[in-house]
Amino acid sequence: MSGQSSPAGNGITPIQQMVASCSGAILTSLFVTPLDVVKIRLQAQKTPFPKGKCFVYCNGLMDHICVCENGNSKAWYKASGHFNGTLDAFIKIVRHEGIKALWSGLPPTLVMAVPATVIYFTCYDQLCAALRVRMGERAQEAPLLAGAIARVGSATVISPLELIRTKLQSQKQSYSELTELIRSAVQTEGWRSLWRGLGPTLFRDVPFSAMYWYNYERSKARLCDWYNTREPTFTITFISGAASGSFASIVTLPFDVVKTRRQVELGELQAKNLSHQVSSSTFSVMSRIVARDGFGGLFVGFLPRLVKVAPACAIMISTYEIGKAFFRKHNQERTLGQLQTSNT
């Protein structure tokens, strides 16, 4: 099992890993966006929906920012009143906004999901393979470290792009105006301003990623032994992905709520010029949630997050593994063909 994630061991090139992860990101986003829309609505319904407010859409392992504008016929969604639960939210969204509203924010999600997921999965595979060689007897812990490092790297690279895209979506402005805005922010607050909001993202996603990959690799290995097979089947990867994703999502749910609430507050704090007066640290946001909604407020959206993340992780990893298996077989056949040609 240790060679299955290694590009060198199975003949999968980084480019082929990118293609496999790209297809997984697209397919997963199509399937789970409705569940994520419901999760975000439930988490944010206690806060008003002013124009320009930011929300998060996710493909299970990666987050992407979208913006809504109420009162606009082209808005990605409009508030539909109070939701009493997951099923009630589905019904009211479809009834008041149409079934297309369940896929609101899909285009920008795909724009960010594809490059982010490609970077993340490719880095994980490359790191995991290298760490397994270096860690020797502790090679089983390589997925834990590789998952955490890959998530830090991908989130750090994507964070400035998310910030720039959010600015473009929240306000009508030209690229020259955006450039001037970014230059002004850098001069005032330094280059770190381009990575605003990275902290809460890492607080939640690094532990999620580390737990997910560690449990996934172990579950996959055990199921392969159970079914007496060397290569993981679709069923094995699907079950392993769903189980490991469910566990990681439950543990990191409070940080998911904090990240959503922080981005929900972003629009109104900027509109009221309170962004420098109200602390947006993870602990401060948690304290405000507990003070207003009680400890249970940190676990708002538990069911829709669990229902969404489990299939999202299962679909993403299964598609990725199938893609890698396809390229592995293709490379083997091509190598065999070249050997036969050289022999003749």
C-alpha atoms as a PDB file:
ATOM      1  CA  MET A   1       0.000   0.000   0.000  1.00  0.00           C
ATOM      2  CA  SER A   2       2.875   2.385   0.621  1.00  0.00           C
ATOM      3  CA  GLY A   3       3.651   2.748  -3.063  1.00  0.00           C
ATOM      4  CA  GLN A   4       0.136   3.606  -4.195  1.00  0.00           C
ATOM      5  CA  SER A   5       0.396   7.292  -3.388  1.00  0.00           C
ATOM      6  CA  SER A   6       3.884   7.635  -4.808  1.00  0.00           C
ATOM      7  CA  PRO A   7       4.157   9.095  -8.304  1.00  0.00           C
ATOM      8  CA  ALA A   8       7.482   7.388  -8.808  1.00  0.00           C
ATOM      9  CA  GLY A   9       6.108   4.068  -7.645  1.00  0.00           C
ATOM     10  CA  ASN A  10       3.097   3.917  -9.925  1.00  0.00           C
ATOM     11  CA  GLY A  11       4.264   5.951 -12.911  1.00  0.00           C
ATOM     12  CA  ILE A  12       1.798   8.820 -12.391  1.00  0.00           C
ATOM     13  CA  THR A  13       3.278  12.164 -13.398  1.00  0.00           C
ATOM     14  CA  PRO A  14       2.402  15.429 -11.632  1.00  0.00           C
ATOM     15  CA  ILE A  15       0.525  16.594 -14.738  1.00  0.00           C
ATOM     16  CA  GLN A  16      -1.599  13.444 -14.680  1.00  0.00           C
ATOM     17  CA  GLN A  17      -2.267  13.964 -10.980  1.00  0.00           C
ATOM     18  CA  MET A  18      -3.445  17.481 -11.798  1.00  0.00           C
ATOM     19  CA  VAL A  19      -5.852  16.228 -14.456  1.00  0.00           C
ATOM     20  CA  ALA A  20      -7.258  13.582 -12.096  1.00  0.00           C
ATOM     21  CA  SER A  21      -7.782  16.087  -9.285  1.00  0.00           C
ATOM     22  CA  CYS A  22      -9.301  18.629 -11.701  1.00  0.00           C
ATOM     23  CA  SER A  23     -11.982  16.180 -12.808  1.00  0.00           C
ATOM     24  CA  GLY A  24     -12.673  15.328  -9.186  1.00  0.00           C
ATOM     25  CA  ALA A  25     -13.081  18.993  -8.230  1.00  0.00           C
ATOM     26  CA  ILE A  26     -15.587  19.648 -11.029  1.00  0.00           C
ATOM     27  CA  LEU A  27     -17.684  16.565 -10.341  1.00  0.00           C
ATOM     28  CA  THR A  28     -17.698  17.104  -6.579  1.00  0.00           C
ATOM     29  CA  SER A  29     -18.703  20.763  -6.886  1.00  0.00           C
ATOM     30  CA  LEU A  30     -21.673  19.827  -9.072  1.00  0.00           C
ATOM     31  CA  PHE A  31     -22.914  17.257  -6.567  1.00  0.00           C
ATOM     32  CA  VAL A  32     -22.406  19.033  -3.248  1.00  0.00           C
ATOM     33  CA  THR A  33     -23.064  22.717  -3.965  1.00  0.00           C
ATOM     34  CA  PRO A  34     -26.790  22.368  -3.039  1.00  0.00           C
ATOM     35  CA  LEU A  35     -25.862  20.888   0.333  1.00  0.00           C
ATOM     36  CA  ASP A  36     -23.347  23.642   0.932  1.00  0.00           C
ATOM     37  CA  VAL A  37     -25.865  26.349   0.028  1.00  0.00           C
ATOM     38  CA  VAL A  38     -28.231  24.936   2.676  1.00  0.00           C
ATOM     39  CA  LYS A  39     -25.438  24.715   5.262  1.00  0.00           C
ATOM     40  CA  ILE A  40     -24.407  28.329   4.753  1.00  0.00           C
ATOM     41  CA  ARG A  41     -28.017  29.553   4.898  1.00  0.00           C
ATOM     42  CA  LEU A  42     -28.581  27.766   8.216  1.00  0.00           C
ATOM     43  CA  GLN A  43     -25.351  29.110   9.698  1.00  0.00           C
ATOM     44  CA  ALA A  44     -25.960  32.684   8.553  1.00  0.00           C
ATOM     45  CA  GLN A  45     -29.749  33.081   8.849  1.00  0.00           C
ATOM     46  CA  LYS A  46     -29.571  34.859  12.226  1.00  0.00           C
ATOM     47  CA  THR A  47     -27.581  37.676  10.635  1.00  0.00           C
ATOM     48  CA  PRO A  48     -29.192  40.144   8.161  1.00  0.00           C
ATOM     49  CA  PHE A  49     -28.217  39.850   4.504  1.00  0.00           C
ATOM     50  CA  PRO A  50     -26.871  43.288   3.448  1.00  0.00           C
ATOM     51  CA  LYS A  51     -25.600  43.923  -0.045  1.00  0.00           C
ATOM     52  CA  GLY A  52     -22.066  42.708  -0.613  1.00  0.00           C
ATOM     53  CA  LYS A  53     -21.959  40.163   2.196  1.00  0.00           C
ATOM     54  CA  CYS A  54     -19.519  37.290   1.747  1.00  0.00           C
ATOM     55  CA  PHE A  55     -20.237  33.584   2.055  1.00  0.00           C
ATOM     56  CA  VAL A  56     -18.261  30.400   1.670  1.00  0.00           C
ATOM     57  CA  TYR A  57     -18.906  27.561  -0.743  1.00  0.00           C
ATOM     58  CA  CYS A  58     -16.907  24.383  -0.526  1.00  0.00           C
ATOM     59  CA  ASN A  59     -16.225  21.152  -2.385  1.00  0.00           C
ATOM     60  CA  GLY A  60     -15.609  19.156   0.766  1.00  0.00           C
ATOM     61  CA  LEU A  61     -11.904  19.701   1.187  1.00  0.00           C
ATOM     62  CA  MET A  62     -11.416  23.253  -0.109  1.00  0.00           C
ATOM     63  CA  ASP A  63     -13.307  26.512   0.529  1.00  0.00           C
ATOM     64  CA  HIS A  64     -14.172  29.238  -1.963  1.00  0.00           C
ATOM     65  CA  ILE A  65     -15.664  32.696  -1.408  1.00  0.00           C
ATOM     66  CA  CYS A  66     -18.809  33.991  -3.105  1.00  0.00           C
ATOM     67  CA  VAL A  67     -20.799  37.204  -2.703  1.00  0.00           C
ATOM     68  CA  CYS A  68     -24.562  37.825  -2.714  1.00  0.00           C
ATOM     69  CA  GLU A  69     -26.360  41.035  -3.605  1.00  0.00           C
ATOM     70  CA  ASN A  70     -29.982  41.265  -2.460  1.00  0.00           C
ATOM     71  CA  GLY A  71     -32.439  43.214  -4.563  1.00  0.00           C
ATOM     72  CA  ASN A  72     -30.569  42.345  -7.733  1.00  0.00           C
ATOM     73  CA  SER A  73     -32.288  40.206 -10.351  1.00  0.00           C
ATOM     74  CA  LYS A  74     -28.922  38.612 -11.021  1.00  0.00           C
ATOM     75  CA  ALA A  75     -28.256  37.863  -7.368  1.00  0.00           C
ATOM     76  CA  TRP A  76     -26.914  34.435  -6.631  1.00  0.00           C
ATOM     77  CA  TYR A  77     -29.506  34.062  -3.922  1.00  0.00           C
ATOM     78  CA  LYS A  78     -32.085  36.004  -1.940  1.00  0.00           C
ATOM     79  CA  ALA A  79     -33.137  35.518   1.664  1.00  0.00           C
ATOM     80  CA  SER A  80     -36.166  33.223   1.952  1.00  0.00           C
ATOM     81  CA  GLY A  81     -37.089  33.731   5.588  1.00  0.00           C
ATOM     82  CA  HIS A  82     -36.359  31.583   8.583  1.00  0.00           C
ATOM     83  CA  PHE A  83     -35.362  27.942   8.084  1.00  0.00           C
ATOM     84  CA  ASN A  84     -36.345  25.365  10.690  1.00  0.00           C
ATOM     85  CA  GLY A  85     -33.949  22.694   9.531  1.00  0.00           C
ATOM     86  CA  THR A  86     -32.151  21.115   6.593  1.00  0.00           C
ATOM     87  CA  LEU A  87     -35.248  19.745   4.829  1.00  0.00           C
ATOM     88  CA  ASP A  88     -37.191  22.955   5.472  1.00  0.00           C
ATOM     89  CA  ALA A  89     -34.347  24.973   3.945  1.00  0.00           C
ATOM     90  CA  PHE A  90     -34.323  22.813   0.812  1.00  0.00           C
ATOM     91  CA  ILE A  91     -38.085  23.183   0.388  1.00  0.00           C
ATOM     92  CA  LYS A  92     -38.182  26.950   0.955  1.00  0.00           C
ATOM     93  CA  ILE A  93     -35.208  27.673  -1.301  1.00  0.00           C
ATOM     94  CA  VAL A  94     -36.724  25.693  -4.174  1.00  0.00           C
ATOM     95  CA  ARG A  95     -40.213  27.117  -3.586  1.00  0.00           C
ATOM     96  CA  HIS A  96     -39.203  30.792  -3.376  1.00  0.00           C
ATOM     97  CA  GLU A  97     -36.139  30.905  -5.608  1.00  0.00           C
ATOM     98  CA  GLY A  98     -36.357  27.944  -7.935  1.00  0.00           C
ATOM     99  CA  ILE A  99     -34.284  24.796  -8.103  1.00  0.00           C
ATOM    100  CA  LYS A 100     -31.394  26.648  -9.787  1.00  0.00           C
ATOM    101  CA  ALA A 101     -30.815  28.524  -6.514  1.00  0.00           C
ATOM    102  CA  LEU A 102     -29.416  25.310  -5.020  1.00  0.00           C
ATOM    103  CA  TRP A 103     -26.457  25.749  -7.366  1.00  0.00           C
ATOM    104  CA  SER A 104     -26.014  29.450  -6.637  1.00  0.00           C
ATOM    105  CA  GLY A 105     -22.391  30.474  -6.696  1.00  0.00           C
ATOM    106  CA  LEU A 106     -21.322  27.438  -8.741  1.00  0.00           C
ATOM    107  CA  PRO A 107     -19.361  29.332 -11.469  1.00  0.00           C
ATOM    108  CA  PRO A 108     -17.035  31.178  -9.063  1.00  0.00           C
ATOM    109  CA  THR A 109     -16.777  28.024  -6.983  1.00  0.00           C
ATOM    110  CA  LEU A 110     -15.438  26.151 -10.001  1.00  0.00           C
ATOM    111  CA  VAL A 111     -13.082  29.006 -10.891  1.00  0.00           C
ATOM    112  CA  MET A 112     -11.436  28.711  -7.484  1.00  0.00           C
ATOM    113  CA  ALA A 113     -12.052  25.002  -6.817  1.00  0.00           C
ATOM    114  CA  VAL A 114     -10.134  23.686  -9.805  1.00  0.00           C
ATOM    115  CA  PRO A 115      -6.740  25.393  -9.254  1.00  0.00           C
ATOM    116  CA  ALA A 116      -6.985  25.107  -5.459  1.00  0.00           C
ATOM    117  CA  THR A 117      -7.791  21.402  -5.530  1.00  0.00           C
ATOM    118  CA  VAL A 118      -5.170  20.698  -8.182  1.00  0.00           C
ATOM    119  CA  ILE A 119      -2.467  22.332  -6.043  1.00  0.00           C
ATOM    120  CA  TYR A 120      -3.687  20.618  -2.886  1.00  0.00           C
ATOM    121  CA  PHE A 121      -3.964  17.034  -4.149  1.00  0.00           C
ATOM    122  CA  THR A 122      -0.806  17.137  -6.251  1.00  0.00           C
ATOM    123  CA  CYS A 123       1.214  18.560  -3.352  1.00  0.00           C
ATOM    124  CA  TYR A 124      -0.188  15.932  -1.009  1.00  0.00           C
ATOM    125  CA  ASP A 125       0.771  13.023  -3.258  1.00  0.00           C
ATOM    126  CA  GLN A 126       4.250  14.381  -3.895  1.00  0.00           C
ATOM    127  CA  LEU A 127       4.877  15.148  -0.206  1.00  0.00           C
ATOM    128  CA  CYS A 128       3.454  11.862   1.026  1.00  0.00           C
ATOM    129  CA  ALA A 129       5.673   9.872  -1.319  1.00  0.00           C
ATOM    130  CA  ALA A 130       8.788  11.797  -0.252  1.00  0.00           C
ATOM    131  CA  LEU A 131       7.977  11.608   3.466  1.00  0.00           C
ATOM    132  CA  ARG A 132       7.304   7.869   3.385  1.00  0.00           C
ATOM    133  CA  VAL A 133      10.799   7.311   2.037  1.00  0.00           C
ATOM    134  CA  ARG A 134      12.405   9.580   4.647  1.00  0.00           C
ATOM    135  CA  MET A 135      10.347   8.547   7.687  1.00  0.00           C
ATOM    136  CA  GLY A 136      11.231   4.859   7.472  1.00  0.00           C
ATOM    137  CA  GLU A 137       9.511   2.926  10.266  1.00  0.00           C
ATOM    138  CA  ARG A 138       7.115   5.836  10.894  1.00  0.00           C
ATOM    139  CA  ALA A 139       6.003   5.932   7.263  1.00  0.00           C
ATOM    140  CA  GLN A 140       2.382   5.327   8.307  1.00  0.00           C
ATOM    141  CA  GLU A 141       2.328   8.828   9.798  1.00  0.00           C
ATOM    142  CA  ALA A 142       3.397  10.433   6.513  1.00  0.00           C
ATOM    143  CA  PRO A 143      -0.216  11.179   5.381  1.00  0.00           C
ATOM    144  CA  LEU A 144      -0.814  13.128   8.600  1.00  0.00           C
ATOM    145  CA  LEU A 145       2.128  15.456   8.010  1.00  0.00           C
ATOM    146  CA  ALA A 146       1.739  15.603   4.223  1.00  0.00           C
ATOM    147  CA  GLY A 147      -1.948  16.513   4.510  1.00  0.00           C
ATOM    148  CA  ALA A 148      -1.227  19.354   6.921  1.00  0.00           C
ATOM    149  CA  ILE A 149       1.671  20.771   4.879  1.00  0.00           C
ATOM    150  CA  ALA A 150      -0.232  20.507   1.589  1.00  0.00           C
ATOM    151  CA  ARG A 151      -3.196  22.369   3.068  1.00  0.00           C
ATOM    152  CA  VAL A 152      -0.992  25.158   4.453  1.00  0.00           C
ATOM    153  CA  GLY A 153       0.715  25.525   1.085  1.00  0.00           C
ATOM    154  CA  SER A 154      -2.418  25.521  -1.055  1.00  0.00           C
ATOM    155  CA  ALA A 155      -4.333  27.871   1.260  1.00  0.00           C
ATOM    156  CA  THR A 156      -1.411  30.306   1.364  1.00  0.00           C
ATOM    157  CA  VAL A 157      -1.107  30.374  -2.430  1.00  0.00           C
ATOM    158  CA  ILE A 158      -4.842  30.759  -3.055  1.00  0.00           C
ATOM    159  CA  SER A 159      -5.621  33.262  -0.275  1.00  0.00           C
ATOM    160  CA  PRO A 160      -4.569  36.445  -2.180  1.00  0.00           C
ATOM    161  CA  LEU A 161      -6.563  35.279  -5.220  1.00  0.00           C
ATOM    162  CA  GLU A 162      -9.653  34.797  -3.060  1.00  0.00           C
ATOM    163  CA  LEU A 163      -9.230  38.278  -1.597  1.00  0.00           C
ATOM    164  CA  ILE A 164      -8.873  39.892  -5.035  1.00  0.00           C
ATOM    165  CA  ARG A 165     -11.873  37.997  -6.438  1.00  0.00           C
ATOM    166  CA  THR A 166     -13.981  38.942  -3.422  1.00  0.00           C
ATOM    167  CA  LYS A 167     -13.168  42.616  -3.979  1.00  0.00           C
ATOM    168  CA  LEU A 168     -14.174  42.357  -7.638  1.00  0.00           C
ATOM    169  CA  GLN A 169     -17.435  40.606  -6.775  1.00  0.00           C
ATOM    170  CA  SER A 170     -18.424  42.851  -3.876  1.00  0.00           C
ATOM    171  CA  GLN A 171     -17.914  46.158  -5.694  1.00  0.00           C
ATOM    172  CA  LYS A 172     -18.125  47.265  -9.315  1.00  0.00           C
ATOM    173  CA  GLN A 173     -14.646  48.488 -10.082  1.00  0.00           C
ATOM    174  CA  SER A 174     -12.120  48.314 -12.886  1.00  0.00           C
ATOM    175  CA  TYR A 175      -8.872  46.396 -12.718  1.00  0.00           C
ATOM    176  CA  SER A 176      -6.967  49.688 -12.470  1.00  0.00           C
ATOM    177  CA  GLU A 177      -9.084  50.671  -9.450  1.00  0.00           C
ATOM    178  CA  LEU A 178      -8.503  47.234  -7.934  1.00  0.00           C
ATOM    179  CA  THR A 179      -4.763  47.549  -8.520  1.00  0.00           C
ATOM    180  CA  GLU A 180      -4.742  50.933  -6.781  1.00  0.00           C
ATOM    181  CA  LEU A 181      -6.801  49.501  -3.900  1.00  0.00           C
ATOM    182  CA  ILE A 182      -4.367  46.628  -3.418  1.00  0.00           C
ATOM    183  CA  ARG A 183      -1.356  48.949  -3.675  1.00  0.00           C
ATOM    184  CA  SER A 184      -2.887  51.241  -1.047  1.00  0.00           C
ATOM    185  CA  ALA A 185      -3.641  48.319   1.271  1.00  0.00           C
ATOM    186  CA  VAL A 186      -0.082  47.011   0.931  1.00  0.00           C
ATOM    187  CA  GLN A 187       1.400  50.437   1.665  1.00  0.00           C
ATOM    188  CA  THR A 188      -0.860  50.897   4.700  1.00  0.00           C
ATOM    189  CA  GLU A 189      -0.881  47.405   6.221  1.00  0.00           C
ATOM    190  CA  GLY A 190       1.978  45.659   4.437  1.00  0.00           C
ATOM    191  CA  TRP A 191       1.987  42.555   2.255  1.00  0.00           C
ATOM    192  CA  ARG A 192       0.270  40.598   5.022  1.00  0.00           C
ATOM    193  CA  SER A 193      -2.992  42.363   4.117  1.00  0.00           C
ATOM    194  CA  LEU A 194      -3.228  40.144   1.017  1.00  0.00           C
ATOM    195  CA  TRP A 195      -3.539  37.124   3.298  1.00  0.00           C
ATOM    196  CA  ARG A 196      -6.308  38.535   5.516  1.00  0.00           C
ATOM    197  CA  GLY A 197      -8.545  35.733   6.784  1.00  0.00           C
ATOM    198  CA  LEU A 198      -5.897  33.045   6.301  1.00  0.00           C
ATOM    199  CA  GLY A 199      -5.675  32.336  10.046  1.00  0.00           C
ATOM    200  CA  PRO A 200      -9.257  31.071  10.561  1.00  0.00           C
ATOM    201  CA  THR A 201      -8.941  29.040   7.375  1.00  0.00           C
ATOM    202  CA  LEU A 202      -5.827  27.260   8.619  1.00  0.00           C
ATOM    203  CA  PHE A 203      -7.260  26.745  12.122  1.00  0.00           C
ATOM    204  CA  ARG A 204     -10.013  24.636  10.626  1.00  0.00           C
ATOM    205  CA  ASP A 205      -8.586  23.167   7.423  1.00  0.00           C
ATOM    206  CA  VAL A 206      -5.114  22.079   8.544  1.00  0.00           C
ATOM    207  CA  PRO A 207      -6.453  19.778  11.314  1.00  0.00           C
ATOM    208  CA  PHE A 208      -9.192  18.616   8.939  1.00  0.00           C
ATOM    209  CA  SER A 209      -6.680  17.802   6.228  1.00  0.00           C
ATOM    210  CA  ALA A 210      -4.270  16.025   8.584  1.00  0.00           C
ATOM    211  CA  MET A 211      -7.028  13.881  10.119  1.00  0.00           C
ATOM    212  CA  TYR A 212      -8.679  13.223   6.780  1.00  0.00           C
ATOM    213  CA  TRP A 213      -5.623  11.908   4.955  1.00  0.00           C
ATOM    214  CA  TYR A 214      -4.323   9.910   7.917  1.00  0.00           C
ATOM    215  CA  ASN A 215      -7.652   8.156   8.453  1.00  0.00           C
ATOM    216  CA  TYR A 216      -8.240   7.763   4.734  1.00  0.00           C
ATOM    217  CA  GLU A 217      -4.928   6.002   4.078  1.00  0.00           C
ATOM    218  CA  ARG A 218      -5.373   3.717   7.093  1.00  0.00           C
ATOM    219  CA  SER A 219      -8.982   2.883   6.201  1.00  0.00           C
ATOM    220  CA  LYS A 220      -8.019   2.210   2.595  1.00  0.00           C
ATOM    221  CA  ALA A 221      -5.197  -0.107   3.654  1.00  0.00           C
ATOM    222  CA  ARG A 222      -7.434  -2.045   6.056  1.00  0.00           C
ATOM    223  CA  LEU A 223     -10.231  -2.429   3.522  1.00  0.00           C
ATOM    224  CA  CYS A 224      -7.750  -3.617   0.904  1.00  0.00           C
ATOM    225  CA  ASP A 225      -6.575  -6.271   3.361  1.00  0.00           C
ATOM    226  CA  TRP A 226     -10.200  -7.132   4.176  1.00  0.00           C
ATOM    227  CA  TYR A 227     -11.080  -7.612   0.485  1.00  0.00           C
ATOM    228  CA  ASN A 228      -7.692  -9.224  -0.192  1.00  0.00           C
ATOM    229  CA  THR A 229      -6.757  -6.843  -2.994  1.00  0.00           C
ATOM    230  CA  ARG A 230      -3.633  -4.791  -3.660  1.00  0.00           C
ATOM    231  CA  GLU A 231      -5.375  -2.065  -5.673  1.00  0.00           C
ATOM    232  CA  PRO A 232      -8.175  -0.078  -3.975  1.00  0.00           C
ATOM    233  CA  THR A 233     -11.513  -0.411  -5.744  1.00  0.00           C
ATOM    234  CA  PHE A 234     -14.121   2.327  -6.177  1.00  0.00           C
ATOM    235  CA  THR A 235     -16.065   0.930  -3.214  1.00  0.00           C
ATOM    236  CA  ILE A 236     -12.993   0.954  -0.973  1.00  0.00           C
ATOM    237  CA  THR A 237     -12.009   4.541  -1.805  1.00  0.00           C
ATOM    238  CA  PHE A 238     -15.622   5.750  -1.560  1.00  0.00           C
ATOM    239  CA  ILE A 239     -16.176   4.243   1.904  1.00  0.00           C
ATOM    240  CA  SER A 240     -12.764   5.355   3.162  1.00  0.00           C
ATOM    241  CA  GLY A 241     -13.285   8.896   1.908  1.00  0.00           C
ATOM    242  CA  ALA A 242     -16.779   9.194   3.398  1.00  0.00           C
ATOM    243  CA  ALA A 243     -15.764   7.809   6.803  1.00  0.00           C
ATOM    244  CA  SER A 244     -12.592   9.877   7.186  1.00  0.00           C
ATOM    245  CA  GLY A 245     -14.323  13.032   5.933  1.00  0.00           C
ATOM    246  CA  SER A 246     -17.196  12.574   8.388  1.00  0.00           C
ATOM    247  CA  PHE A 247     -14.881  12.213  11.359  1.00  0.00           C
ATOM    248  CA  ALA A 248     -12.765  15.231  10.419  1.00  0.00           C
ATOM    249  CA  SER A 249     -15.824  17.403   9.740  1.00  0.00           C
ATOM    250  CA  ILE A 250     -17.330  16.710  13.170  1.00  0.00           C
ATOM    251  CA  VAL A 251     -14.102  17.570  15.001  1.00  0.00           C
ATOM    252  CA  THR A 252     -13.538  20.818  13.067  1.00  0.00           C
ATOM    253  CA  LEU A 253     -17.175  22.027  12.869  1.00  0.00           C
ATOM    254  CA  PRO A 254     -16.728  24.912  15.393  1.00  0.00           C
ATOM    255  CA  PHE A 255     -13.988  26.385  13.199  1.00  0.00           C
ATOM    256  CA  ASP A 256     -16.254  26.041  10.159  1.00  0.00           C
ATOM    257  CA  VAL A 257     -18.942  28.049  11.974  1.00  0.00           C
ATOM    258  CA  VAL A 258     -16.379  30.685  12.999  1.00  0.00           C
ATOM    259  CA  LYS A 259     -15.085  31.031   9.447  1.00  0.00           C
ATOM    260  CA  THR A 260     -18.605  31.407   8.076  1.00  0.00           C
ATOM    261  CA  ARG A 261     -19.600  33.937  10.723  1.00  0.00           C
ATOM    262  CA  ARG A 262     -16.395  35.922  10.178  1.00  0.00           C
ATOM    263  CA  GLN A 263     -17.069  36.244   6.463  1.00  0.00           C
ATOM    264  CA  VAL A 264     -20.736  36.941   7.087  1.00  0.00           C
ATOM    265  CA  GLU A 265     -19.671  39.911   9.245  1.00  0.00           C
ATOM    266  CA  LEU A 266     -17.102  41.129   6.733  1.00  0.00           C
ATOM    267  CA  GLY A 267     -19.527  43.088   4.534  1.00  0.00           C
ATOM    268  CA  GLU A 268     -21.351  44.910   7.318  1.00  0.00           C
ATOM    269  CA  LEU A 269     -18.181  45.731   9.290  1.00  0.00           C
ATOM    270  CA  GLN A 270     -16.631  47.333   6.224  1.00  0.00           C
ATOM    271  CA  ALA A 271     -19.864  49.220   5.468  1.00  0.00           C
ATOM    272  CA  LYS A 272     -19.930  50.623   9.022  1.00  0.00           C
ATOM    273  CA  ASN A 273     -16.153  51.244   9.151  1.00  0.00           C
ATOM    274  CA  LEU A 274     -15.907  48.928  12.153  1.00  0.00           C
ATOM    275  CA  SER A 275     -13.395  46.466  10.707  1.00  0.00           C
ATOM    276  CA  HIS A 276     -10.620  47.914  12.918  1.00  0.00           C
ATOM    277  CA  GLN A 277     -12.793  48.191  16.043  1.00  0.00           C
ATOM    278  CA  VAL A 278     -14.290  44.703  16.157  1.00  0.00           C
ATOM    279  CA  SER A 279     -11.851  41.854  16.683  1.00  0.00           C
ATOM    280  CA  SER A 280     -12.098  39.126  14.062  1.00  0.00           C
ATOM    281  CA  SER A 281      -9.733  36.628  15.678  1.00  0.00           C
ATOM    282  CA  THR A 282     -10.924  33.042  15.910  1.00  0.00           C
ATOM    283  CA  PHE A 283     -11.223  33.181  19.713  1.00  0.00           C
ATOM    284  CA  SER A 284     -13.094  36.507  19.640  1.00  0.00           C
ATOM    285  CA  VAL A 285     -15.621  35.276  17.099  1.00  0.00           C
ATOM    286  CA  MET A 286     -16.106  32.082  19.124  1.00  0.00           C
ATOM    287  CA  SER A 287     -16.720  34.158  22.252  1.00  0.00           C
ATOM    288  CA  ARG A 288     -19.352  36.273  20.473  1.00  0.00           C
ATOM    289  CA  ILE A 289     -21.104  33.170  19.151  1.00  0.00           C
ATOM    290  CA  VAL A 290     -21.192  31.500  22.577  1.00  0.00           C
ATOM    291  CA  ALA A 291     -22.368  34.725  24.255  1.00  0.00           C
ATOM    292  CA  ARG A 292     -25.233  35.159  21.810  1.00  0.00           C
ATOM    293  CA  ASP A 293     -26.246  31.602  20.910  1.00  0.00           C
ATOM    294  CA  GLY A 294     -24.721  29.457  23.644  1.00  0.00           C
ATOM    295  CA  PHE A 295     -22.205  26.646  23.209  1.00  0.00           C
ATOM    296  CA  GLY A 296     -24.536  24.976  20.718  1.00  0.00           C
ATOM    297  CA  GLY A 297     -24.007  27.928  18.391  1.00  0.00           C
ATOM    298  CA  LEU A 298     -20.559  26.523  17.566  1.00  0.00           C
ATOM    299  CA  PHE A 299     -22.239  23.450  16.085  1.00  0.00           C
ATOM    300  CA  VAL A 300     -24.878  25.155  13.942  1.00  0.00           C
ATOM    301  CA  GLY A 301     -25.218  23.398  10.593  1.00  0.00           C
ATOM    302  CA  PHE A 302     -23.958  20.077  11.971  1.00  0.00           C
ATOM    303  CA  LEU A 303     -26.279  17.865   9.923  1.00  0.00           C
ATOM    304  CA  PRO A 304     -25.946  19.638   6.558  1.00  0.00           C
ATOM    305  CA  ARG A 305     -22.151  19.848   6.979  1.00  0.00           C
ATOM    306  CA  LEU A 306     -21.936  16.155   7.759  1.00  0.00           C
ATOM    307  CA  VAL A 307     -24.354  15.236   4.971  1.00  0.00           C
ATOM    308  CA  LYS A 308     -22.341  17.385   2.575  1.00  0.00           C
ATOM    309  CA  VAL A 309     -18.760  16.608   3.557  1.00  0.00           C
ATOM    310  CA  ALA A 310     -19.150  12.814   3.643  1.00  0.00           C
ATOM    311  CA  PRO A 311     -20.284  12.435   0.002  1.00  0.00           C
ATOM    312  CA  ALA A 312     -18.036  15.312  -1.084  1.00  0.00           C
ATOM    313  CA  CYS A 313     -14.932  13.599   0.260  1.00  0.00           C
ATOM    314  CA  ALA A 314     -16.107  10.245  -1.069  1.00  0.00           C
ATOM    315  CA  ILE A 315     -16.784  11.567  -4.584  1.00  0.00           C
ATOM    316  CA  MET A 316     -13.607  13.652  -4.710  1.00  0.00           C
ATOM    317  CA  ILE A 317     -11.210  10.940  -3.591  1.00  0.00           C
ATOM    318  CA  SER A 318     -12.924   8.194  -5.630  1.00  0.00           C
ATOM    319  CA  THR A 319     -12.749  10.288  -8.797  1.00  0.00           C
ATOM    320  CA  TYR A 320      -9.140  11.139  -8.056  1.00  0.00           C
ATOM    321  CA  GLU A 321      -8.158   7.509  -7.478  1.00  0.00           C
ATOM    322  CA  ILE A 322     -10.006   6.395 -10.624  1.00  0.00           C
ATOM    323  CA  GLY A 323      -8.190   9.069 -12.609  1.00  0.00           C
ATOM    324  CA  LYS A 324      -4.830   7.959 -11.254  1.00  0.00           C
ATOM    325  CA  ALA A 325      -5.657   4.308 -11.982  1.00  0.00           C
ATOM    326  CA  PHE A 326      -6.550   5.237 -15.570  1.00  0.00           C
ATOM    327  CA  PHE A 327      -3.261   7.074 -16.107  1.00  0.00           C
ATOM    328  CA  ARG A 328      -1.320   4.307 -14.366  1.00  0.00           C
ATOM    329  CA  LYS A 329      -2.757   1.720 -16.757  1.00  0.00           C
ATOM    330  CA  HIS A 330      -2.201   4.046 -19.722  1.00  0.00           C
ATOM    331  CA  ASN A 331       1.451   4.561 -18.794  1.00  0.00           C
ATOM    332  CA  GLN A 332       2.029   0.851 -18.293  1.00  0.00           C
ATOM    333  CA  GLU A 333       0.519   0.037 -21.676  1.00  0.00           C
ATOM    334  CA  ARG A 334       2.577   2.741 -23.351  1.00  0.00           C
ATOM    335  CA  THR A 335       5.785   1.485 -21.705  1.00  0.00           C
ATOM    336  CA  LEU A 336       4.978  -2.087 -22.731  1.00  0.00           C
ATOM    337  CA  GLY A 337       4.288  -0.952 -26.273  1.00  0.00           C
ATOM    338  CA  GLN A 338       7.621   0.865 -26.432  1.00  0.00           C
ATOM    339  CA  LEU A 339       9.457  -2.222 -25.166  1.00  0.00           C
ATOM    340  CA  GLN A 340       7.783  -4.438 -27.761  1.00  0.00           C
ATOM    341  CA  THR A 341       8.636  -1.955 -30.514  1.00  0.00           C
ATOM    342  CA  SER A 342      12.287  -1.761 -29.439  1.00  0.00           C
ATOM    343  CA  ASN A 343      12.537  -5.574 -29.283  1.00  0.00           C
ATOM    344  CA  THR A 344      11.183  -5.950 -32.799  1.00  0.00           C
END
